[in-house]
Amino acid sequence: MPTAVAKVGTTAATLSGKQKVAVLCMVLGREATSRLTEKLTPDEVEAISYEIARMDRVDSETSEAVLIEWLQTSRAAESIAVGGVDYAKEILEQAFGSQRASFMVKRLQAQLNEAAGLHRLRKVDPQQLGGMLRNEHPQTIALILAHLDPPQTAAVLKEIGPDVGKMVIYRMASMEKVSPEMLELIERALGPETELNLNQGLSIAGGPQSVAAVLNLIPPSMEKELLDGLANEDADLCEQVKNLMFVFEDIIVLDSRAMQRVLREVDSKDLALALKVSSDELKAHVLGAMSKRAVEALEEEMDFLGPVRLRDVETAQVMIVTKVRQLEEQGEIVISAGGDDEVIQ
């Protein structure tokens, strides 16, 4: 008996990836589905077919949410790049009729224009972008940086310095949906040379999570200045950001197995630099996950370093933190913050 996995009351957020593709296929019909699935493997097609067979019915709200989500994905963007907006309109008309499709295509076109403008900004050298933004209003800088990748945002913040950076970070952390009027003012401020089209709204960006990801890539000395500035503006917001951050000293919460996995990704010289000014407790934790021979080699490396620049130490620490976060995102390690959370091995 079929299981009603996408019946009325089910939301797009509760569906798995395969179920969303199944909903998409049901909404678009056979012809459009065949064009979308022609690049899938037989196993993938079989898995999607299985999900379709299990489904009961899909309400219009869920089907529209799934379709819009698909249109915003990179794979959809590639399909539209090949087939053009007319192709997207054809798919939407089959699913929702011409009137509704026309509205959705306009929204899609605006998103594509916006993405193209942001892509141009992402290709700009951070030093050049920092120079271009340095004299703009902090709200303008915050809006632009909130839509760039964390590494580029971090690099630009280094260029504009902590004084302006404090104001930018606060605005990024507290950012909500931006009004079209504000976007239009920002377009004018940046000038036509940026070719940035924001007039349809960049929706929601920034927030504590975004700021935390950026601060994890900034040297600790500047990070402290920015966090102090944020705390002066809004202590609660600053605490939210801190709770989402993972800094070098936090590797002490990694268990032995996770620590060993991280160490396999880290160069011994970077580790020696990073531990140069660390607490004895943290050093003991790291060394405890290493073999006796590896410990001896690392201690010899640290002694050989002699006096080092703080900037080099901070760079090494940021590099290791980045590795830790990458491994966590890949599901290879678990970062436990303590408390009552139970980790299942």
C-alpha atoms as a PDB file:
ATOM      1  CA  MET A   1       0.000   0.000   0.000  1.00  0.00           C
ATOM      2  CA  PRO A   2       1.500   3.409  -0.953  1.00  0.00           C
ATOM      3  CA  THR A   3       2.712   5.640   1.835  1.00  0.00           C
ATOM      4  CA  ALA A   4       1.447   9.230   1.688  1.00  0.00           C
ATOM      5  CA  VAL A   5       4.789  10.973   2.095  1.00  0.00           C
ATOM      6  CA  ALA A   6       3.768  14.193   0.376  1.00  0.00           C
ATOM      7  CA  LYS A   7       0.122  14.583   1.228  1.00  0.00           C
ATOM      8  CA  VAL A   8      -1.634  17.734   2.437  1.00  0.00           C
ATOM      9  CA  GLY A   9       0.087  19.038   5.557  1.00  0.00           C
ATOM     10  CA  THR A  10       3.540  17.932   4.455  1.00  0.00           C
ATOM     11  CA  THR A  11       5.959  20.796   3.869  1.00  0.00           C
ATOM     12  CA  ALA A  12       8.899  20.968   1.485  1.00  0.00           C
ATOM     13  CA  ALA A  13      11.247  21.307   4.456  1.00  0.00           C
ATOM     14  CA  THR A  14      10.279  17.845   5.751  1.00  0.00           C
ATOM     15  CA  LEU A  15      10.952  16.032   2.470  1.00  0.00           C
ATOM     16  CA  SER A  16      14.210  14.276   1.664  1.00  0.00           C
ATOM     17  CA  GLY A  17      16.189  15.154  -1.449  1.00  0.00           C
ATOM     18  CA  LYS A  18      14.849  12.147  -3.364  1.00  0.00           C
ATOM     19  CA  GLN A  19      11.295  12.954  -2.314  1.00  0.00           C
ATOM     20  CA  LYS A  20      11.687  16.527  -3.548  1.00  0.00           C
ATOM     21  CA  VAL A  21      12.876  15.271  -6.934  1.00  0.00           C
ATOM     22  CA  ALA A  22       9.898  12.897  -6.985  1.00  0.00           C
ATOM     23  CA  VAL A  23       7.518  15.804  -6.279  1.00  0.00           C
ATOM     24  CA  LEU A  24       9.226  17.821  -9.009  1.00  0.00           C
ATOM     25  CA  CYS A  25       8.705  15.010 -11.517  1.00  0.00           C
ATOM     26  CA  MET A  26       5.043  14.644 -10.557  1.00  0.00           C
ATOM     27  CA  VAL A  27       4.443  18.374 -10.960  1.00  0.00           C
ATOM     28  CA  LEU A  28       6.254  18.818 -14.265  1.00  0.00           C
ATOM     29  CA  GLY A  29       4.799  15.863 -16.141  1.00  0.00           C
ATOM     30  CA  ARG A  30       6.395  13.221 -18.340  1.00  0.00           C
ATOM     31  CA  GLU A  31       7.937  15.311 -21.117  1.00  0.00           C
ATOM     32  CA  ALA A  32       9.680  17.833 -18.861  1.00  0.00           C
ATOM     33  CA  THR A  33      10.696  15.096 -16.435  1.00  0.00           C
ATOM     34  CA  SER A  34      12.387  13.096 -19.183  1.00  0.00           C
ATOM     35  CA  ARG A  35      14.463  16.155 -20.081  1.00  0.00           C
ATOM     36  CA  LEU A  36      15.440  16.702 -16.444  1.00  0.00           C
ATOM     37  CA  THR A  37      16.342  13.084 -15.675  1.00  0.00           C
ATOM     38  CA  GLU A  38      18.229  12.210 -18.861  1.00  0.00           C
ATOM     39  CA  LYS A  39      21.558  12.928 -17.143  1.00  0.00           C
ATOM     40  CA  LEU A  40      20.769  10.826 -14.067  1.00  0.00           C
ATOM     41  CA  THR A  41      22.119   7.320 -13.561  1.00  0.00           C
ATOM     42  CA  PRO A  42      19.751   4.321 -13.782  1.00  0.00           C
ATOM     43  CA  ASP A  43      20.045   3.835 -10.009  1.00  0.00           C
ATOM     44  CA  GLU A  44      19.045   7.453  -9.379  1.00  0.00           C
ATOM     45  CA  VAL A  45      16.071   7.176 -11.729  1.00  0.00           C
ATOM     46  CA  GLU A  46      15.010   3.945 -10.005  1.00  0.00           C
ATOM     47  CA  ALA A  47      15.236   5.562  -6.551  1.00  0.00           C
ATOM     48  CA  ILE A  48      13.142   8.525  -7.675  1.00  0.00           C
ATOM     49  CA  SER A  49      10.592   6.232  -9.314  1.00  0.00           C
ATOM     50  CA  TYR A  50      10.293   4.349  -6.034  1.00  0.00           C
ATOM     51  CA  GLU A  51       9.528   7.595  -4.177  1.00  0.00           C
ATOM     52  CA  ILE A  52       6.907   8.551  -6.778  1.00  0.00           C
ATOM     53  CA  ALA A  53       5.235   5.159  -6.380  1.00  0.00           C
ATOM     54  CA  ARG A  54       5.065   5.645  -2.599  1.00  0.00           C
ATOM     55  CA  MET A  55       3.454   9.067  -2.780  1.00  0.00           C
ATOM     56  CA  ASP A  56      -0.224   9.772  -2.355  1.00  0.00           C
ATOM     57  CA  ARG A  57      -0.824  13.364  -3.441  1.00  0.00           C
ATOM     58  CA  VAL A  58       0.997  16.660  -3.262  1.00  0.00           C
ATOM     59  CA  ASP A  59      -0.676  19.889  -2.196  1.00  0.00           C
ATOM     60  CA  SER A  60      -0.105  23.004  -4.292  1.00  0.00           C
ATOM     61  CA  GLU A  61       1.838  24.850  -1.583  1.00  0.00           C
ATOM     62  CA  THR A  62       4.374  22.032  -1.219  1.00  0.00           C
ATOM     63  CA  SER A  63       4.739  21.508  -4.967  1.00  0.00           C
ATOM     64  CA  GLU A  64       5.345  25.214  -5.577  1.00  0.00           C
ATOM     65  CA  ALA A  65       7.900  25.392  -2.745  1.00  0.00           C
ATOM     66  CA  VAL A  66       9.779  22.398  -4.173  1.00  0.00           C
ATOM     67  CA  LEU A  67       9.757  23.855  -7.686  1.00  0.00           C
ATOM     68  CA  ILE A  68      11.013  27.255  -6.539  1.00  0.00           C
ATOM     69  CA  GLU A  69      13.760  25.587  -4.503  1.00  0.00           C
ATOM     70  CA  TRP A  70      14.825  23.627  -7.588  1.00  0.00           C
ATOM     71  CA  LEU A  71      14.889  26.769  -9.719  1.00  0.00           C
ATOM     72  CA  GLN A  72      17.314  28.310  -7.239  1.00  0.00           C
ATOM     73  CA  THR A  73      19.783  25.423  -7.387  1.00  0.00           C
ATOM     74  CA  SER A  74      22.936  25.418  -9.473  1.00  0.00           C
ATOM     75  CA  ARG A  75      21.734  22.438 -11.516  1.00  0.00           C
ATOM     76  CA  ALA A  76      18.607  24.339 -12.477  1.00  0.00           C
ATOM     77  CA  ALA A  77      20.709  27.370 -13.340  1.00  0.00           C
ATOM     78  CA  GLU A  78      22.768  25.186 -15.690  1.00  0.00           C
ATOM     79  CA  SER A  79      19.595  23.861 -17.333  1.00  0.00           C
ATOM     80  CA  ILE A  80      18.253  27.370 -17.778  1.00  0.00           C
ATOM     81  CA  ALA A  81      21.607  28.535 -19.161  1.00  0.00           C
ATOM     82  CA  VAL A  82      21.310  25.849 -21.841  1.00  0.00           C
ATOM     83  CA  GLY A  83      17.600  26.197 -22.529  1.00  0.00           C
ATOM     84  CA  GLY A  84      17.137  29.860 -21.731  1.00  0.00           C
ATOM     85  CA  VAL A  85      14.369  31.541 -19.764  1.00  0.00           C
ATOM     86  CA  ASP A  86      11.905  30.311 -22.392  1.00  0.00           C
ATOM     87  CA  TYR A  87      12.727  26.774 -21.331  1.00  0.00           C
ATOM     88  CA  ALA A  88      12.080  27.667 -17.695  1.00  0.00           C
ATOM     89  CA  LYS A  89       8.796  29.316 -18.672  1.00  0.00           C
ATOM     90  CA  GLU A  90       7.757  26.216 -20.606  1.00  0.00           C
ATOM     91  CA  ILE A  91       8.346  24.044 -17.532  1.00  0.00           C
ATOM     92  CA  LEU A  92       6.473  26.419 -15.253  1.00  0.00           C
ATOM     93  CA  GLU A  93       3.520  26.753 -17.624  1.00  0.00           C
ATOM     94  CA  GLN A  94       3.123  22.994 -17.690  1.00  0.00           C
ATOM     95  CA  ALA A  95       3.010  22.963 -13.915  1.00  0.00           C
ATOM     96  CA  PHE A  96       1.091  26.120 -12.992  1.00  0.00           C
ATOM     97  CA  GLY A  97      -0.462  27.663 -16.086  1.00  0.00           C
ATOM     98  CA  SER A  98       0.621  30.731 -18.068  1.00  0.00           C
ATOM     99  CA  GLN A  99      -0.459  33.472 -15.628  1.00  0.00           C
ATOM    100  CA  ARG A 100       1.296  32.006 -12.598  1.00  0.00           C
ATOM    101  CA  ALA A 101       4.292  31.013 -14.724  1.00  0.00           C
ATOM    102  CA  SER A 102       4.744  34.567 -15.992  1.00  0.00           C
ATOM    103  CA  PHE A 103       4.989  35.877 -12.427  1.00  0.00           C
ATOM    104  CA  MET A 104       7.465  33.175 -11.411  1.00  0.00           C
ATOM    105  CA  VAL A 105       9.658  33.715 -14.475  1.00  0.00           C
ATOM    106  CA  LYS A 106       9.984  37.421 -13.647  1.00  0.00           C
ATOM    107  CA  ARG A 107      11.121  36.507 -10.166  1.00  0.00           C
ATOM    108  CA  LEU A 108      13.536  33.917 -11.559  1.00  0.00           C
ATOM    109  CA  GLN A 109      14.994  36.405 -14.056  1.00  0.00           C
ATOM    110  CA  ALA A 110      15.609  38.886 -11.249  1.00  0.00           C
ATOM    111  CA  GLN A 111      17.431  36.196  -9.266  1.00  0.00           C
ATOM    112  CA  LEU A 112      19.599  35.327 -12.269  1.00  0.00           C
ATOM    113  CA  ASN A 113      20.494  39.004 -12.803  1.00  0.00           C
ATOM    114  CA  GLU A 114      21.303  39.390  -9.125  1.00  0.00           C
ATOM    115  CA  ALA A 115      23.467  36.266  -9.161  1.00  0.00           C
ATOM    116  CA  ALA A 116      25.372  37.540 -12.185  1.00  0.00           C
ATOM    117  CA  GLY A 117      26.121  40.852 -10.454  1.00  0.00           C
ATOM    118  CA  LEU A 118      27.276  39.123  -7.288  1.00  0.00           C
ATOM    119  CA  HIS A 119      29.400  36.733  -9.335  1.00  0.00           C
ATOM    120  CA  ARG A 120      31.246  39.730 -10.793  1.00  0.00           C
ATOM    121  CA  LEU A 121      31.878  41.081  -7.306  1.00  0.00           C
ATOM    122  CA  ARG A 122      33.135  37.692  -6.105  1.00  0.00           C
ATOM    123  CA  LYS A 123      35.779  37.754  -8.838  1.00  0.00           C
ATOM    124  CA  VAL A 124      37.141  41.120  -7.688  1.00  0.00           C
ATOM    125  CA  ASP A 125      40.390  41.005  -5.728  1.00  0.00           C
ATOM    126  CA  PRO A 126      39.629  41.582  -1.990  1.00  0.00           C
ATOM    127  CA  GLN A 127      42.168  44.416  -1.813  1.00  0.00           C
ATOM    128  CA  GLN A 128      40.487  46.179  -4.731  1.00  0.00           C
ATOM    129  CA  LEU A 129      37.006  45.533  -3.339  1.00  0.00           C
ATOM    130  CA  GLY A 130      38.083  46.795   0.067  1.00  0.00           C
ATOM    131  CA  GLY A 131      39.359  49.993  -1.525  1.00  0.00           C
ATOM    132  CA  MET A 132      36.105  50.407  -3.433  1.00  0.00           C
ATOM    133  CA  LEU A 133      33.951  49.938  -0.322  1.00  0.00           C
ATOM    134  CA  ARG A 134      36.126  51.591   2.331  1.00  0.00           C
ATOM    135  CA  ASN A 135      34.446  54.998   2.132  1.00  0.00           C
ATOM    136  CA  GLU A 136      30.890  53.697   1.746  1.00  0.00           C
ATOM    137  CA  HIS A 137      28.332  53.723   4.556  1.00  0.00           C
ATOM    138  CA  PRO A 138      28.735  50.685   6.877  1.00  0.00           C
ATOM    139  CA  GLN A 139      25.201  49.551   5.955  1.00  0.00           C
ATOM    140  CA  THR A 140      26.163  49.469   2.281  1.00  0.00           C
ATOM    141  CA  ILE A 141      29.348  47.529   3.030  1.00  0.00           C
ATOM    142  CA  ALA A 142      27.456  45.114   5.288  1.00  0.00           C
ATOM    143  CA  LEU A 143      24.848  44.352   2.653  1.00  0.00           C
ATOM    144  CA  ILE A 144      27.458  43.616  -0.018  1.00  0.00           C
ATOM    145  CA  LEU A 145      29.697  41.526   2.252  1.00  0.00           C
ATOM    146  CA  ALA A 146      26.747  39.543   3.583  1.00  0.00           C
ATOM    147  CA  HIS A 147      26.255  38.164   0.074  1.00  0.00           C
ATOM    148  CA  LEU A 148      29.868  37.192  -0.558  1.00  0.00           C
ATOM    149  CA  ASP A 149      31.616  33.999   0.507  1.00  0.00           C
ATOM    150  CA  PRO A 150      33.077  34.050   4.062  1.00  0.00           C
ATOM    151  CA  PRO A 151      36.739  33.920   2.904  1.00  0.00           C
ATOM    152  CA  GLN A 152      36.260  36.938   0.622  1.00  0.00           C
ATOM    153  CA  THR A 153      34.294  38.809   3.288  1.00  0.00           C
ATOM    154  CA  ALA A 154      37.043  38.145   5.831  1.00  0.00           C
ATOM    155  CA  ALA A 155      39.707  39.365   3.398  1.00  0.00           C
ATOM    156  CA  VAL A 156      37.761  42.570   2.669  1.00  0.00           C
ATOM    157  CA  LEU A 157      37.268  43.236   6.393  1.00  0.00           C
ATOM    158  CA  LYS A 158      41.035  43.038   6.857  1.00  0.00           C
ATOM    159  CA  GLU A 159      41.405  45.655   4.120  1.00  0.00           C
ATOM    160  CA  ILE A 160      38.882  48.125   5.540  1.00  0.00           C
ATOM    161  CA  GLY A 161      40.244  47.758   9.098  1.00  0.00           C
ATOM    162  CA  PRO A 162      38.638  47.197  12.526  1.00  0.00           C
ATOM    163  CA  ASP A 163      37.276  50.716  13.037  1.00  0.00           C
ATOM    164  CA  VAL A 164      34.856  50.456  10.111  1.00  0.00           C
ATOM    165  CA  GLY A 165      34.738  46.679  10.488  1.00  0.00           C
ATOM    166  CA  LYS A 166      33.065  46.935  13.908  1.00  0.00           C
ATOM    167  CA  MET A 167      30.141  48.854  12.442  1.00  0.00           C
ATOM    168  CA  VAL A 168      29.929  46.507   9.460  1.00  0.00           C
ATOM    169  CA  ILE A 169      29.928  43.362  11.610  1.00  0.00           C
ATOM    170  CA  TYR A 170      27.149  44.736  13.810  1.00  0.00           C
ATOM    171  CA  ARG A 171      24.987  45.499  10.789  1.00  0.00           C
ATOM    172  CA  MET A 172      25.701  42.112   9.229  1.00  0.00           C
ATOM    173  CA  ALA A 173      24.820  40.276  12.439  1.00  0.00           C
ATOM    174  CA  SER A 174      21.542  42.162  12.867  1.00  0.00           C
ATOM    175  CA  MET A 175      20.624  42.130   9.179  1.00  0.00           C
ATOM    176  CA  GLU A 176      17.131  41.139   8.151  1.00  0.00           C
ATOM    177  CA  LYS A 177      15.256  41.462   4.868  1.00  0.00           C
ATOM    178  CA  VAL A 178      16.362  44.629   3.110  1.00  0.00           C
ATOM    179  CA  SER A 179      13.835  46.970   1.558  1.00  0.00           C
ATOM    180  CA  PRO A 180      13.901  47.632  -2.216  1.00  0.00           C
ATOM    181  CA  GLU A 181      14.413  51.336  -1.467  1.00  0.00           C
ATOM    182  CA  MET A 182      17.617  50.596   0.460  1.00  0.00           C
ATOM    183  CA  LEU A 183      18.859  48.343  -2.335  1.00  0.00           C
ATOM    184  CA  GLU A 184      18.281  51.072  -4.898  1.00  0.00           C
ATOM    185  CA  LEU A 185      20.290  53.554  -2.829  1.00  0.00           C
ATOM    186  CA  ILE A 186      23.138  51.054  -2.586  1.00  0.00           C
ATOM    187  CA  GLU A 187      23.129  50.473  -6.346  1.00  0.00           C
ATOM    188  CA  ARG A 188      23.459  54.209  -6.901  1.00  0.00           C
ATOM    189  CA  ALA A 189      26.218  54.517  -4.306  1.00  0.00           C
ATOM    190  CA  LEU A 190      28.338  51.807  -5.915  1.00  0.00           C
ATOM    191  CA  GLY A 191      27.870  53.263  -9.382  1.00  0.00           C
ATOM    192  CA  PRO A 192      27.185  51.659 -12.762  1.00  0.00           C
ATOM    193  CA  GLU A 193      30.677  50.187 -13.100  1.00  0.00           C
ATOM    194  CA  THR A 194      29.807  47.376 -10.687  1.00  0.00           C
ATOM    195  CA  GLU A 195      26.912  46.262 -12.927  1.00  0.00           C
ATOM    196  CA  LEU A 196      25.128  45.111  -9.774  1.00  0.00           C
ATOM    197  CA  ASN A 197      21.370  44.644 -10.065  1.00  0.00           C
ATOM    198  CA  LEU A 198      19.815  44.511  -6.600  1.00  0.00           C
ATOM    199  CA  ASN A 199      16.446  46.072  -7.303  1.00  0.00           C
ATOM    200  CA  GLN A 200      14.469  42.877  -6.841  1.00  0.00           C
ATOM    201  CA  GLY A 201      15.757  42.433  -3.325  1.00  0.00           C
ATOM    202  CA  LEU A 202      18.562  40.264  -2.052  1.00  0.00           C
ATOM    203  CA  SER A 203      16.105  38.815   0.480  1.00  0.00           C
ATOM    204  CA  ILE A 204      17.672  37.719   3.735  1.00  0.00           C
ATOM    205  CA  ALA A 205      21.399  37.448   4.309  1.00  0.00           C
ATOM    206  CA  GLY A 206      23.812  38.034   7.124  1.00  0.00           C
ATOM    207  CA  GLY A 207      22.762  37.168  10.649  1.00  0.00           C
ATOM    208  CA  PRO A 208      24.790  35.700  13.545  1.00  0.00           C
ATOM    209  CA  GLN A 209      25.649  32.472  11.692  1.00  0.00           C
ATOM    210  CA  SER A 210      27.095  34.352   8.725  1.00  0.00           C
ATOM    211  CA  VAL A 211      29.160  36.625  10.960  1.00  0.00           C
ATOM    212  CA  ALA A 212      30.469  33.670  12.974  1.00  0.00           C
ATOM    213  CA  ALA A 213      31.656  31.959   9.769  1.00  0.00           C
ATOM    214  CA  VAL A 214      33.520  35.132   8.756  1.00  0.00           C
ATOM    215  CA  LEU A 215      35.111  35.759  12.155  1.00  0.00           C
ATOM    216  CA  ASN A 216      36.465  32.212  12.192  1.00  0.00           C
ATOM    217  CA  LEU A 217      38.648  33.227   9.229  1.00  0.00           C
ATOM    218  CA  ILE A 218      39.996  36.430  10.762  1.00  0.00           C
ATOM    219  CA  PRO A 219      43.193  36.624  12.878  1.00  0.00           C
ATOM    220  CA  PRO A 220      42.354  36.455  16.618  1.00  0.00           C
ATOM    221  CA  SER A 221      43.659  39.954  17.403  1.00  0.00           C
ATOM    222  CA  MET A 222      41.312  41.600  14.884  1.00  0.00           C
ATOM    223  CA  GLU A 223      38.532  39.145  15.737  1.00  0.00           C
ATOM    224  CA  LYS A 224      38.654  40.344  19.377  1.00  0.00           C
ATOM    225  CA  GLU A 225      38.375  43.986  18.309  1.00  0.00           C
ATOM    226  CA  LEU A 226      35.370  43.233  16.118  1.00  0.00           C
ATOM    227  CA  LEU A 227      33.642  41.185  18.830  1.00  0.00           C
ATOM    228  CA  ASP A 228      34.290  43.893  21.428  1.00  0.00           C
ATOM    229  CA  GLY A 229      32.714  46.420  19.074  1.00  0.00           C
ATOM    230  CA  LEU A 230      29.713  44.138  18.553  1.00  0.00           C
ATOM    231  CA  ALA A 231      29.350  43.636  22.307  1.00  0.00           C
ATOM    232  CA  ASN A 232      29.268  47.396  22.833  1.00  0.00           C
ATOM    233  CA  GLU A 233      26.382  47.667  20.362  1.00  0.00           C
ATOM    234  CA  ASP A 234      24.435  44.572  21.405  1.00  0.00           C
ATOM    235  CA  ALA A 235      25.778  42.208  24.085  1.00  0.00           C
ATOM    236  CA  ASP A 236      23.120  39.545  23.460  1.00  0.00           C
ATOM    237  CA  LEU A 237      23.790  39.517  19.730  1.00  0.00           C
ATOM    238  CA  CYS A 238      27.523  39.248  20.390  1.00  0.00           C
ATOM    239  CA  GLU A 239      26.896  36.233  22.632  1.00  0.00           C
ATOM    240  CA  GLN A 240      24.866  34.577  19.854  1.00  0.00           C
ATOM    241  CA  VAL A 241      27.772  35.029  17.449  1.00  0.00           C
ATOM    242  CA  LYS A 242      30.309  33.681  19.959  1.00  0.00           C
ATOM    243  CA  ASN A 243      28.188  30.598  20.574  1.00  0.00           C
ATOM    244  CA  LEU A 244      28.260  29.870  16.832  1.00  0.00           C
ATOM    245  CA  MET A 245      32.000  30.337  16.498  1.00  0.00           C
ATOM    246  CA  PHE A 246      34.751  27.777  16.740  1.00  0.00           C
ATOM    247  CA  VAL A 247      38.146  29.201  17.635  1.00  0.00           C
ATOM    248  CA  PHE A 248      41.518  27.514  17.914  1.00  0.00           C
ATOM    249  CA  GLU A 249      41.351  27.034  21.684  1.00  0.00           C
ATOM    250  CA  ASP A 250      38.086  25.139  21.152  1.00  0.00           C
ATOM    251  CA  ILE A 251      39.894  22.161  19.651  1.00  0.00           C
ATOM    252  CA  ILE A 252      40.261  21.035  23.247  1.00  0.00           C
ATOM    253  CA  VAL A 253      36.667  19.743  22.987  1.00  0.00           C
ATOM    254  CA  LEU A 254      37.612  17.297  20.222  1.00  0.00           C
ATOM    255  CA  ASP A 255      37.886  13.694  21.336  1.00  0.00           C
ATOM    256  CA  SER A 256      41.021  11.662  20.604  1.00  0.00           C
ATOM    257  CA  ARG A 257      39.704  10.135  17.391  1.00  0.00           C
ATOM    258  CA  ALA A 258      38.560  13.505  15.998  1.00  0.00           C
ATOM    259  CA  MET A 259      41.857  15.087  17.019  1.00  0.00           C
ATOM    260  CA  GLN A 260      43.805  12.385  15.203  1.00  0.00           C
ATOM    261  CA  ARG A 261      41.682  12.923  12.081  1.00  0.00           C
ATOM    262  CA  VAL A 262      42.404  16.659  12.170  1.00  0.00           C
ATOM    263  CA  LEU A 263      46.134  16.099  12.665  1.00  0.00           C
ATOM    264  CA  ARG A 264      46.281  14.031   9.483  1.00  0.00           C
ATOM    265  CA  GLU A 265      45.229  17.161   7.563  1.00  0.00           C
ATOM    266  CA  VAL A 266      47.640  19.586   9.249  1.00  0.00           C
ATOM    267  CA  ASP A 267      51.243  20.285   8.328  1.00  0.00           C
ATOM    268  CA  SER A 268      53.633  19.823  11.272  1.00  0.00           C
ATOM    269  CA  LYS A 269      55.106  23.305  10.855  1.00  0.00           C
ATOM    270  CA  ASP A 270      51.627  24.892  10.967  1.00  0.00           C
ATOM    271  CA  LEU A 271      50.796  22.877  14.091  1.00  0.00           C
ATOM    272  CA  ALA A 272      54.045  23.912  15.762  1.00  0.00           C
ATOM    273  CA  LEU A 273      53.325  27.566  14.980  1.00  0.00           C
ATOM    274  CA  ALA A 274      49.717  27.343  16.167  1.00  0.00           C
ATOM    275  CA  LEU A 275      50.702  25.785  19.507  1.00  0.00           C
ATOM    276  CA  LYS A 276      53.527  28.268  20.126  1.00  0.00           C
ATOM    277  CA  VAL A 277      51.418  30.524  22.374  1.00  0.00           C
ATOM    278  CA  SER A 278      48.704  28.039  23.387  1.00  0.00           C
ATOM    279  CA  SER A 279      47.890  27.024  26.937  1.00  0.00           C
ATOM    280  CA  ASP A 280      49.629  24.021  28.501  1.00  0.00           C
ATOM    281  CA  GLU A 281      46.241  22.312  28.748  1.00  0.00           C
ATOM    282  CA  LEU A 282      45.606  22.628  25.026  1.00  0.00           C
ATOM    283  CA  LYS A 283      49.121  21.484  24.144  1.00  0.00           C
ATOM    284  CA  ALA A 284      48.685  18.427  26.361  1.00  0.00           C
ATOM    285  CA  HIS A 285      45.352  17.638  24.681  1.00  0.00           C
ATOM    286  CA  VAL A 286      46.861  17.803  21.189  1.00  0.00           C
ATOM    287  CA  LEU A 287      50.002  15.885  22.105  1.00  0.00           C
ATOM    288  CA  GLY A 288      47.875  13.246  23.817  1.00  0.00           C
ATOM    289  CA  ALA A 289      46.363  12.315  20.456  1.00  0.00           C
ATOM    290  CA  MET A 290      49.811  11.774  18.888  1.00  0.00           C
ATOM    291  CA  SER A 291      52.283   8.914  18.977  1.00  0.00           C
ATOM    292  CA  LYS A 292      55.424   9.248  21.100  1.00  0.00           C
ATOM    293  CA  ARG A 293      57.546   9.625  17.983  1.00  0.00           C
ATOM    294  CA  ALA A 294      55.261  12.308  16.525  1.00  0.00           C
ATOM    295  CA  VAL A 295      55.309  14.216  19.833  1.00  0.00           C
ATOM    296  CA  GLU A 296      59.110  14.231  19.860  1.00  0.00           C
ATOM    297  CA  ALA A 297      59.210  15.462  16.269  1.00  0.00           C
ATOM    298  CA  LEU A 298      56.689  18.239  16.998  1.00  0.00           C
ATOM    299  CA  GLU A 299      58.510  19.413  20.126  1.00  0.00           C
ATOM    300  CA  GLU A 300      61.739  19.507  18.126  1.00  0.00           C
ATOM    301  CA  GLU A 301      59.941  21.550  15.432  1.00  0.00           C
ATOM    302  CA  MET A 302      58.651  24.018  18.055  1.00  0.00           C
ATOM    303  CA  ASP A 303      62.126  24.442  19.557  1.00  0.00           C
ATOM    304  CA  PHE A 304      63.622  24.953  16.099  1.00  0.00           C
ATOM    305  CA  LEU A 305      61.141  27.765  15.328  1.00  0.00           C
ATOM    306  CA  GLY A 306      62.569  30.132  17.906  1.00  0.00           C
ATOM    307  CA  PRO A 307      60.868  33.569  18.156  1.00  0.00           C
ATOM    308  CA  VAL A 308      57.957  33.894  15.753  1.00  0.00           C
ATOM    309  CA  ARG A 309      55.644  36.703  14.647  1.00  0.00           C
ATOM    310  CA  LEU A 310      52.173  36.722  16.187  1.00  0.00           C
ATOM    311  CA  ARG A 311      50.698  37.178  12.711  1.00  0.00           C
ATOM    312  CA  ASP A 312      52.230  33.867  11.586  1.00  0.00           C
ATOM    313  CA  VAL A 313      50.868  32.098  14.672  1.00  0.00           C
ATOM    314  CA  GLU A 314      47.372  33.467  14.064  1.00  0.00           C
ATOM    315  CA  THR A 315      47.487  32.486  10.376  1.00  0.00           C
ATOM    316  CA  ALA A 316      48.401  28.910  11.324  1.00  0.00           C
ATOM    317  CA  GLN A 317      45.603  28.785  13.916  1.00  0.00           C
ATOM    318  CA  VAL A 318      43.020  30.035  11.422  1.00  0.00           C
ATOM    319  CA  MET A 319      44.207  27.425   8.920  1.00  0.00           C
ATOM    320  CA  ILE A 320      43.706  24.612  11.452  1.00  0.00           C
ATOM    321  CA  VAL A 321      40.293  25.922  12.522  1.00  0.00           C
ATOM    322  CA  THR A 322      39.264  25.963   8.847  1.00  0.00           C
ATOM    323  CA  LYS A 323      40.322  22.297   8.526  1.00  0.00           C
ATOM    324  CA  VAL A 324      38.313  21.395  11.640  1.00  0.00           C
ATOM    325  CA  ARG A 325      35.189  23.077  10.298  1.00  0.00           C
ATOM    326  CA  GLN A 326      35.603  21.433   6.879  1.00  0.00           C
ATOM    327  CA  LEU A 327      35.871  17.991   8.466  1.00  0.00           C
ATOM    328  CA  GLU A 328      32.794  18.689  10.580  1.00  0.00           C
ATOM    329  CA  GLU A 329      30.805  19.791   7.526  1.00  0.00           C
ATOM    330  CA  GLN A 330      31.873  16.600   5.723  1.00  0.00           C
ATOM    331  CA  GLY A 331      30.628  14.552   8.683  1.00  0.00           C
ATOM    332  CA  GLU A 332      34.072  13.116   9.425  1.00  0.00           C
ATOM    333  CA  ILE A 333      34.290  14.520  12.957  1.00  0.00           C
ATOM    334  CA  VAL A 334      31.847  15.733  15.587  1.00  0.00           C
ATOM    335  CA  ILE A 335      32.459  18.906  17.571  1.00  0.00           C
ATOM    336  CA  SER A 336      30.931  18.443  20.990  1.00  0.00           C
ATOM    337  CA  ALA A 337      30.222  21.579  22.985  1.00  0.00           C
ATOM    338  CA  GLY A 338      29.674  19.572  26.153  1.00  0.00           C
ATOM    339  CA  GLY A 339      26.460  19.602  28.142  1.00  0.00           C
ATOM    340  CA  ASP A 340      23.812  16.936  27.743  1.00  0.00           C
ATOM    341  CA  ASP A 341      24.243  16.302  24.017  1.00  0.00           C
ATOM    342  CA  GLU A 342      24.931  12.644  23.381  1.00  0.00           C
ATOM    343  CA  VAL A 343      27.134  11.598  20.489  1.00  0.00           C
ATOM    344  CA  ILE A 344      26.262   8.272  18.879  1.00  0.00           C
ATOM    345  CA  GLN A 345      29.250   6.490  17.370  1.00  0.00           C
END
